[in-house]
Amino acid sequence: MSDDMWLSDGGEEARVGFATALQHLLWAEAKRREGIPADEHPHSVNALRPDSPAARRLHLRHLEVAAECGSLAERVMEAAAARAGRAGASFPEMGAAAGITRQAARNRWPQAVGTRWTLHTLTGRKPPHGAGMVTTRSRDKAVTTGWDAVRKGDAAAGGAVAAVVCDSEHRVVWACLFDPAEYGAVVVEVPDDLVDIPADGEAHEAWADRWAQFVAAEIERRTVRA
């Protein structure tokens, strides 16, 4: 069996090439620590007689280097997860990137997500038609901005009539709309199918349409009541 046969299970040529290059790099470092020049024998992990003292010593050195690489990889992953979180990535996205579950990603990098809050606003009355979005690092700021926009929105043409704030996992944590009966903003609960907000693309547009329909129907209901 070749030295890197275990690396080729994925069947992806680029990934296998990367893994093979990493294996060679670790072996080169093990040789360096043993004082063996890079261009001298042994050139691979199986090039020494298995039962020789030299093989045992060099393979233990190889294990030492591999263990250090694992610790380094953990630190690199933690830093990468933190940067991804600051860029708006969710735990499901991090889990998919790392080949683990959403919950495992949350347990592994608990501080990576939660520093970004996105405010979505809906404008217009018959029916709601415009949408806005802004991201902040403060939940309170996002909520206050949305509340003020809706509270003032009915007095201005094209003003905001509804707002929701979602966390870095794109889940709604707060919502409000303009209530004609109260003539002001009121906090509401959105339906279950609106709680998860797709990040972008056609799925997000479909969510926005459902949100606009919900807001229009809710405002109409409250208008009749008023």
C-alpha atoms as a PDB file:
ATOM      1  CA  MET A   1       0.000   0.000   0.000  1.00  0.00           C
ATOM      2  CA  SER A   2       1.356   3.447  -0.881  1.00  0.00           C
ATOM      3  CA  ASP A   3       2.151   5.958   1.851  1.00  0.00           C
ATOM      4  CA  ASP A   4      -0.814   8.198   1.064  1.00  0.00           C
ATOM      5  CA  MET A   5      -3.399   5.613  -0.018  1.00  0.00           C
ATOM      6  CA  TRP A   6      -5.453   6.460   3.065  1.00  0.00           C
ATOM      7  CA  LEU A   7      -5.659  10.029   1.866  1.00  0.00           C
ATOM      8  CA  SER A   8      -7.477   9.236  -1.376  1.00  0.00           C
ATOM      9  CA  ASP A   9     -10.797   7.998   0.029  1.00  0.00           C
ATOM     10  CA  GLY A  10     -12.561  11.222  -0.946  1.00  0.00           C
ATOM     11  CA  GLY A  11     -11.745  10.761  -4.612  1.00  0.00           C
ATOM     12  CA  GLU A  12     -11.165  14.469  -5.131  1.00  0.00           C
ATOM     13  CA  GLU A  13      -7.931  15.039  -6.987  1.00  0.00           C
ATOM     14  CA  ALA A  14      -7.199  18.487  -5.611  1.00  0.00           C
ATOM     15  CA  ARG A  15      -7.856  17.435  -2.015  1.00  0.00           C
ATOM     16  CA  VAL A  16      -5.737  14.307  -2.374  1.00  0.00           C
ATOM     17  CA  GLY A  17      -2.944  16.413  -3.820  1.00  0.00           C
ATOM     18  CA  PHE A  18      -3.120  18.794  -0.857  1.00  0.00           C
ATOM     19  CA  ALA A  19      -3.105  15.929   1.640  1.00  0.00           C
ATOM     20  CA  THR A  20      -0.169  14.276  -0.094  1.00  0.00           C
ATOM     21  CA  ALA A  21       1.809  17.513  -0.052  1.00  0.00           C
ATOM     22  CA  LEU A  22       1.074  17.888   3.662  1.00  0.00           C
ATOM     23  CA  GLN A  23       2.215  14.313   4.336  1.00  0.00           C
ATOM     24  CA  HIS A  24       5.482  14.983   2.526  1.00  0.00           C
ATOM     25  CA  LEU A  25       5.956  18.205   4.499  1.00  0.00           C
ATOM     26  CA  LEU A  26       5.494  16.400   7.826  1.00  0.00           C
ATOM     27  CA  TRP A  27       7.930  13.678   6.795  1.00  0.00           C
ATOM     28  CA  ALA A  28      10.494  16.289   5.723  1.00  0.00           C
ATOM     29  CA  GLU A  29      10.190  17.985   9.134  1.00  0.00           C
ATOM     30  CA  ALA A  30      10.644  14.647  10.935  1.00  0.00           C
ATOM     31  CA  LYS A  31      13.829  14.051   8.945  1.00  0.00           C
ATOM     32  CA  ARG A  32      15.069  17.567   9.665  1.00  0.00           C
ATOM     33  CA  ARG A  33      14.664  17.035  13.404  1.00  0.00           C
ATOM     34  CA  GLU A  34      16.648  13.819  13.100  1.00  0.00           C
ATOM     35  CA  GLY A  35      19.403  15.628  11.238  1.00  0.00           C
ATOM     36  CA  ILE A  36      18.742  13.874   7.909  1.00  0.00           C
ATOM     37  CA  PRO A  37      19.080  16.148   4.828  1.00  0.00           C
ATOM     38  CA  ALA A  38      15.885  16.506   2.809  1.00  0.00           C
ATOM     39  CA  ASP A  39      17.380  14.940  -0.330  1.00  0.00           C
ATOM     40  CA  GLU A  40      18.768  11.880   1.461  1.00  0.00           C
ATOM     41  CA  HIS A  41      17.207   8.475   2.212  1.00  0.00           C
ATOM     42  CA  PRO A  42      14.614   7.632   3.548  1.00  0.00           C
ATOM     43  CA  HIS A  43      12.318   9.412   1.096  1.00  0.00           C
ATOM     44  CA  SER A  44       9.030   8.048   2.472  1.00  0.00           C
ATOM     45  CA  VAL A  45       7.543   6.670   5.687  1.00  0.00           C
ATOM     46  CA  ASN A  46       7.842   3.080   4.451  1.00  0.00           C
ATOM     47  CA  ALA A  47      11.389   3.301   3.137  1.00  0.00           C
ATOM     48  CA  LEU A  48      13.010   1.902   6.310  1.00  0.00           C
ATOM     49  CA  ARG A  49      13.043  -1.700   7.482  1.00  0.00           C
ATOM     50  CA  PRO A  50      10.061  -1.888   9.906  1.00  0.00           C
ATOM     51  CA  ASP A  51      11.926  -3.593  12.770  1.00  0.00           C
ATOM     52  CA  SER A  52      15.056  -1.429  12.794  1.00  0.00           C
ATOM     53  CA  PRO A  53      15.907   0.931  15.681  1.00  0.00           C
ATOM     54  CA  ALA A  54      16.364   3.728  13.120  1.00  0.00           C
ATOM     55  CA  ALA A  55      12.831   3.178  11.807  1.00  0.00           C
ATOM     56  CA  ARG A  56      11.360   3.241  15.322  1.00  0.00           C
ATOM     57  CA  ARG A  57      13.148   6.468  16.181  1.00  0.00           C
ATOM     58  CA  LEU A  58      12.201   8.200  12.934  1.00  0.00           C
ATOM     59  CA  HIS A  59       8.574   7.067  13.031  1.00  0.00           C
ATOM     60  CA  LEU A  60       8.241   8.336  16.596  1.00  0.00           C
ATOM     61  CA  ARG A  61       9.648  11.660  15.424  1.00  0.00           C
ATOM     62  CA  HIS A  62       7.091  11.619  12.598  1.00  0.00           C
ATOM     63  CA  LEU A  63       4.339  11.025  15.151  1.00  0.00           C
ATOM     64  CA  GLU A  64       5.611  13.956  17.209  1.00  0.00           C
ATOM     65  CA  VAL A  65       5.455  16.269  14.188  1.00  0.00           C
ATOM     66  CA  ALA A  66       1.987  15.019  13.206  1.00  0.00           C
ATOM     67  CA  ALA A  67       0.691  15.647  16.747  1.00  0.00           C
ATOM     68  CA  GLU A  68       2.035  19.199  16.660  1.00  0.00           C
ATOM     69  CA  CYS A  69       0.391  19.692  13.282  1.00  0.00           C
ATOM     70  CA  GLY A  70      -2.938  18.608  14.758  1.00  0.00           C
ATOM     71  CA  SER A  71      -2.665  21.160  17.565  1.00  0.00           C
ATOM     72  CA  LEU A  72      -1.705  23.856  15.087  1.00  0.00           C
ATOM     73  CA  ALA A  73      -4.632  22.934  12.850  1.00  0.00           C
ATOM     74  CA  GLU A  74      -7.008  23.341  15.809  1.00  0.00           C
ATOM     75  CA  ARG A  75      -5.692  26.854  16.437  1.00  0.00           C
ATOM     76  CA  VAL A  76      -5.956  27.717  12.748  1.00  0.00           C
ATOM     77  CA  MET A  77      -9.531  26.375  12.658  1.00  0.00           C
ATOM     78  CA  GLU A  78     -10.511  28.374  15.736  1.00  0.00           C
ATOM     79  CA  ALA A  79      -9.148  31.579  14.205  1.00  0.00           C
ATOM     80  CA  ALA A  80     -10.806  30.825  10.856  1.00  0.00           C
ATOM     81  CA  ALA A  81     -14.146  30.167  12.581  1.00  0.00           C
ATOM     82  CA  ALA A  82     -13.902  33.461  14.470  1.00  0.00           C
ATOM     83  CA  ARG A  83     -13.208  35.367  11.250  1.00  0.00           C
ATOM     84  CA  ALA A  84     -16.049  33.534   9.493  1.00  0.00           C
ATOM     85  CA  GLY A  85     -18.394  34.472  12.348  1.00  0.00           C
ATOM     86  CA  ARG A  86     -17.396  38.119  12.083  1.00  0.00           C
ATOM     87  CA  ALA A  87     -18.167  37.898   8.370  1.00  0.00           C
ATOM     88  CA  GLY A  88     -21.683  36.674   9.156  1.00  0.00           C
ATOM     89  CA  ALA A  89     -21.285  32.886   8.832  1.00  0.00           C
ATOM     90  CA  SER A  90     -23.619  30.683  10.854  1.00  0.00           C
ATOM     91  CA  PHE A  91     -22.882  27.515  12.845  1.00  0.00           C
ATOM     92  CA  PRO A  92     -24.540  25.331  10.160  1.00  0.00           C
ATOM     93  CA  GLU A  93     -22.232  26.876   7.550  1.00  0.00           C
ATOM     94  CA  MET A  94     -19.159  26.394   9.749  1.00  0.00           C
ATOM     95  CA  GLY A  95     -20.159  22.806  10.471  1.00  0.00           C
ATOM     96  CA  ALA A  96     -20.546  22.078   6.758  1.00  0.00           C
ATOM     97  CA  ALA A  97     -17.132  23.610   6.041  1.00  0.00           C
ATOM     98  CA  ALA A  98     -15.451  21.597   8.805  1.00  0.00           C
ATOM     99  CA  GLY A  99     -17.330  18.357   8.088  1.00  0.00           C
ATOM    100  CA  ILE A 100     -19.117  18.344  11.451  1.00  0.00           C
ATOM    101  CA  THR A 101     -22.657  18.998  12.651  1.00  0.00           C
ATOM    102  CA  ARG A 102     -24.132  22.376  13.492  1.00  0.00           C
ATOM    103  CA  GLN A 103     -24.183  21.500  17.198  1.00  0.00           C
ATOM    104  CA  ALA A 104     -20.594  20.267  17.110  1.00  0.00           C
ATOM    105  CA  ALA A 105     -19.517  23.558  15.542  1.00  0.00           C
ATOM    106  CA  ARG A 106     -21.401  25.476  18.233  1.00  0.00           C
ATOM    107  CA  ASN A 107     -19.712  23.423  20.985  1.00  0.00           C
ATOM    108  CA  ARG A 108     -16.284  23.738  19.371  1.00  0.00           C
ATOM    109  CA  TRP A 109     -16.312  27.492  18.676  1.00  0.00           C
ATOM    110  CA  PRO A 110     -19.002  28.942  20.978  1.00  0.00           C
ATOM    111  CA  GLN A 111     -17.745  32.523  20.651  1.00  0.00           C
ATOM    112  CA  ALA A 112     -17.518  32.521  16.865  1.00  0.00           C
ATOM    113  CA  VAL A 113     -21.152  33.436  16.180  1.00  0.00           C
ATOM    114  CA  GLY A 114     -23.379  36.016  17.766  1.00  0.00           C
ATOM    115  CA  THR A 115     -21.516  39.263  17.171  1.00  0.00           C
ATOM    116  CA  ARG A 116     -23.608  40.328  14.158  1.00  0.00           C
ATOM    117  CA  TRP A 117     -27.290  41.244  14.035  1.00  0.00           C
ATOM    118  CA  THR A 118     -29.147  42.024  10.827  1.00  0.00           C
ATOM    119  CA  LEU A 119     -32.126  44.369  10.646  1.00  0.00           C
ATOM    120  CA  HIS A 120     -34.602  43.821   7.801  1.00  0.00           C
ATOM    121  CA  THR A 121     -37.182  46.543   7.151  1.00  0.00           C
ATOM    122  CA  LEU A 122     -40.259  46.544   4.930  1.00  0.00           C
ATOM    123  CA  THR A 123     -41.637  49.727   3.383  1.00  0.00           C
ATOM    124  CA  GLY A 124     -44.863  50.790   1.666  1.00  0.00           C
ATOM    125  CA  ARG A 125     -48.476  50.176   2.584  1.00  0.00           C
ATOM    126  CA  LYS A 126     -50.559  48.770  -0.308  1.00  0.00           C
ATOM    127  CA  PRO A 127     -49.009  46.252  -0.314  1.00  0.00           C
ATOM    128  CA  PRO A 128     -45.591  46.427   1.394  1.00  0.00           C
ATOM    129  CA  HIS A 129     -43.093  46.359  -1.444  1.00  0.00           C
ATOM    130  CA  GLY A 130     -39.682  47.748  -0.527  1.00  0.00           C
ATOM    131  CA  ALA A 131     -37.040  46.102   1.625  1.00  0.00           C
ATOM    132  CA  GLY A 132     -33.931  47.293   3.417  1.00  0.00           C
ATOM    133  CA  MET A 133     -31.178  45.548   5.332  1.00  0.00           C
ATOM    134  CA  VAL A 134     -28.419  46.708   7.669  1.00  0.00           C
ATOM    135  CA  THR A 135     -25.998  44.726   9.837  1.00  0.00           C
ATOM    136  CA  THR A 136     -24.670  45.812  13.234  1.00  0.00           C
ATOM    137  CA  ARG A 137     -22.656  44.276  16.062  1.00  0.00           C
ATOM    138  CA  SER A 138     -25.251  45.353  18.627  1.00  0.00           C
ATOM    139  CA  ARG A 139     -28.592  43.590  19.065  1.00  0.00           C
ATOM    140  CA  ASP A 140     -29.973  46.572  20.975  1.00  0.00           C
ATOM    141  CA  LYS A 141     -28.948  48.963  18.220  1.00  0.00           C
ATOM    142  CA  ALA A 142     -30.582  46.800  15.552  1.00  0.00           C
ATOM    143  CA  VAL A 143     -33.827  46.573  17.541  1.00  0.00           C
ATOM    144  CA  THR A 144     -33.894  50.296  18.385  1.00  0.00           C
ATOM    145  CA  THR A 145     -33.238  51.252  14.763  1.00  0.00           C
ATOM    146  CA  GLY A 146     -36.016  48.966  13.545  1.00  0.00           C
ATOM    147  CA  TRP A 147     -38.445  50.167  16.216  1.00  0.00           C
ATOM    148  CA  ASP A 148     -37.825  53.846  15.426  1.00  0.00           C
ATOM    149  CA  ALA A 149     -38.111  53.263  11.669  1.00  0.00           C
ATOM    150  CA  VAL A 150     -41.506  51.569  12.009  1.00  0.00           C
ATOM    151  CA  ARG A 151     -42.765  54.005  14.656  1.00  0.00           C
ATOM    152  CA  LYS A 152     -42.045  56.923  12.308  1.00  0.00           C
ATOM    153  CA  GLY A 153     -42.687  55.101   9.067  1.00  0.00           C
ATOM    154  CA  ASP A 154     -46.448  55.592   8.709  1.00  0.00           C
ATOM    155  CA  ALA A 155     -46.023  59.365   8.658  1.00  0.00           C
ATOM    156  CA  ALA A 156     -43.726  59.297   5.634  1.00  0.00           C
ATOM    157  CA  ALA A 157     -44.371  58.149   2.093  1.00  0.00           C
ATOM    158  CA  GLY A 158     -42.617  54.853   1.615  1.00  0.00           C
ATOM    159  CA  GLY A 159     -41.775  54.640   5.294  1.00  0.00           C
ATOM    160  CA  ALA A 160     -41.056  51.406   7.116  1.00  0.00           C
ATOM    161  CA  VAL A 161     -44.123  49.398   8.160  1.00  0.00           C
ATOM    162  CA  ALA A 162     -42.374  46.351   9.615  1.00  0.00           C
ATOM    163  CA  ALA A 163     -38.980  45.198  10.850  1.00  0.00           C
ATOM    164  CA  VAL A 164     -37.282  42.012  12.000  1.00  0.00           C
ATOM    165  CA  VAL A 165     -33.876  41.431  13.578  1.00  0.00           C
ATOM    166  CA  CYS A 166     -32.043  38.150  13.064  1.00  0.00           C
ATOM    167  CA  ASP A 167     -28.888  36.760  14.649  1.00  0.00           C
ATOM    168  CA  SER A 168     -25.808  35.388  12.924  1.00  0.00           C
ATOM    169  CA  GLU A 169     -27.632  32.103  12.357  1.00  0.00           C
ATOM    170  CA  HIS A 170     -30.250  34.023  10.382  1.00  0.00           C
ATOM    171  CA  ARG A 171     -33.002  33.349  12.933  1.00  0.00           C
ATOM    172  CA  VAL A 172     -35.503  36.053  13.836  1.00  0.00           C
ATOM    173  CA  VAL A 173     -35.076  37.223  17.445  1.00  0.00           C
ATOM    174  CA  TRP A 174     -37.395  40.256  17.338  1.00  0.00           C
ATOM    175  CA  ALA A 175     -40.090  41.632  15.057  1.00  0.00           C
ATOM    176  CA  CYS A 176     -42.464  44.588  14.949  1.00  0.00           C
ATOM    177  CA  LEU A 177     -44.949  46.246  12.594  1.00  0.00           C
ATOM    178  CA  PHE A 178     -47.096  49.368  12.405  1.00  0.00           C
ATOM    179  CA  ASP A 179     -50.433  48.942  14.136  1.00  0.00           C
ATOM    180  CA  PRO A 180     -53.101  51.387  12.841  1.00  0.00           C
ATOM    181  CA  ALA A 181     -55.175  50.861  15.981  1.00  0.00           C
ATOM    182  CA  GLU A 182     -52.298  51.937  18.193  1.00  0.00           C
ATOM    183  CA  TYR A 183     -50.914  54.323  15.576  1.00  0.00           C
ATOM    184  CA  GLY A 184     -47.445  53.143  16.423  1.00  0.00           C
ATOM    185  CA  ALA A 185     -45.053  50.231  16.358  1.00  0.00           C
ATOM    186  CA  VAL A 186     -45.975  47.031  18.187  1.00  0.00           C
ATOM    187  CA  VAL A 187     -43.928  43.901  18.786  1.00  0.00           C
ATOM    188  CA  VAL A 188     -45.257  40.780  17.043  1.00  0.00           C
ATOM    189  CA  GLU A 189     -44.365  37.120  16.691  1.00  0.00           C
ATOM    190  CA  VAL A 190     -43.705  35.975  13.142  1.00  0.00           C
ATOM    191  CA  PRO A 191     -45.073  32.633  11.898  1.00  0.00           C
ATOM    192  CA  ASP A 192     -42.837  29.588  12.130  1.00  0.00           C
ATOM    193  CA  ASP A 193     -42.100  29.626   8.403  1.00  0.00           C
ATOM    194  CA  LEU A 194     -40.612  33.129   8.734  1.00  0.00           C
ATOM    195  CA  VAL A 195     -38.324  32.462  11.699  1.00  0.00           C
ATOM    196  CA  ASP A 196     -35.410  31.186   9.586  1.00  0.00           C
ATOM    197  CA  ILE A 197     -34.224  33.771   7.042  1.00  0.00           C
ATOM    198  CA  PRO A 198     -32.260  32.428   4.044  1.00  0.00           C
ATOM    199  CA  ALA A 199     -29.070  34.429   3.626  1.00  0.00           C
ATOM    200  CA  ASP A 200     -29.487  35.295  -0.059  1.00  0.00           C
ATOM    201  CA  GLY A 201     -30.647  34.159  -3.476  1.00  0.00           C
ATOM    202  CA  GLU A 202     -34.084  32.971  -4.546  1.00  0.00           C
ATOM    203  CA  ALA A 203     -34.790  31.435  -1.142  1.00  0.00           C
ATOM    204  CA  HIS A 204     -34.330  34.829   0.499  1.00  0.00           C
ATOM    205  CA  GLU A 205     -36.592  36.498  -2.057  1.00  0.00           C
ATOM    206  CA  ALA A 206     -39.270  33.870  -1.365  1.00  0.00           C
ATOM    207  CA  TRP A 207     -38.941  34.550   2.366  1.00  0.00           C
ATOM    208  CA  ALA A 208     -39.271  38.300   1.771  1.00  0.00           C
ATOM    209  CA  ASP A 209     -42.444  37.739  -0.259  1.00  0.00           C
ATOM    210  CA  ARG A 210     -43.989  35.621   2.521  1.00  0.00           C
ATOM    211  CA  TRP A 211     -43.007  38.248   5.097  1.00  0.00           C
ATOM    212  CA  ALA A 212     -44.613  41.018   3.015  1.00  0.00           C
ATOM    213  CA  GLN A 213     -47.806  38.962   2.699  1.00  0.00           C
ATOM    214  CA  PHE A 214     -47.885  38.366   6.449  1.00  0.00           C
ATOM    215  CA  VAL A 215     -47.341  42.061   7.196  1.00  0.00           C
ATOM    216  CA  ALA A 216     -49.978  43.186   4.680  1.00  0.00           C
ATOM    217  CA  ALA A 217     -52.552  40.764   6.096  1.00  0.00           C
ATOM    218  CA  GLU A 218     -51.743  41.684   9.685  1.00  0.00           C
ATOM    219  CA  ILE A 219     -51.962  45.431   9.018  1.00  0.00           C
ATOM    220  CA  GLU A 220     -55.259  44.925   7.182  1.00  0.00           C
ATOM    221  CA  ARG A 221     -56.629  42.938  10.100  1.00  0.00           C
ATOM    222  CA  ARG A 222     -55.574  45.626  12.564  1.00  0.00           C
ATOM    223  CA  THR A 223     -56.969  48.372  10.292  1.00  0.00           C
ATOM    224  CA  VAL A 224     -60.399  46.765  10.337  1.00  0.00           C
ATOM    225  CA  ARG A 225     -60.171  46.466  14.112  1.00  0.00           C
ATOM    226  CA  ALA A 226     -59.252  50.155  14.380  1.00  0.00           C
END
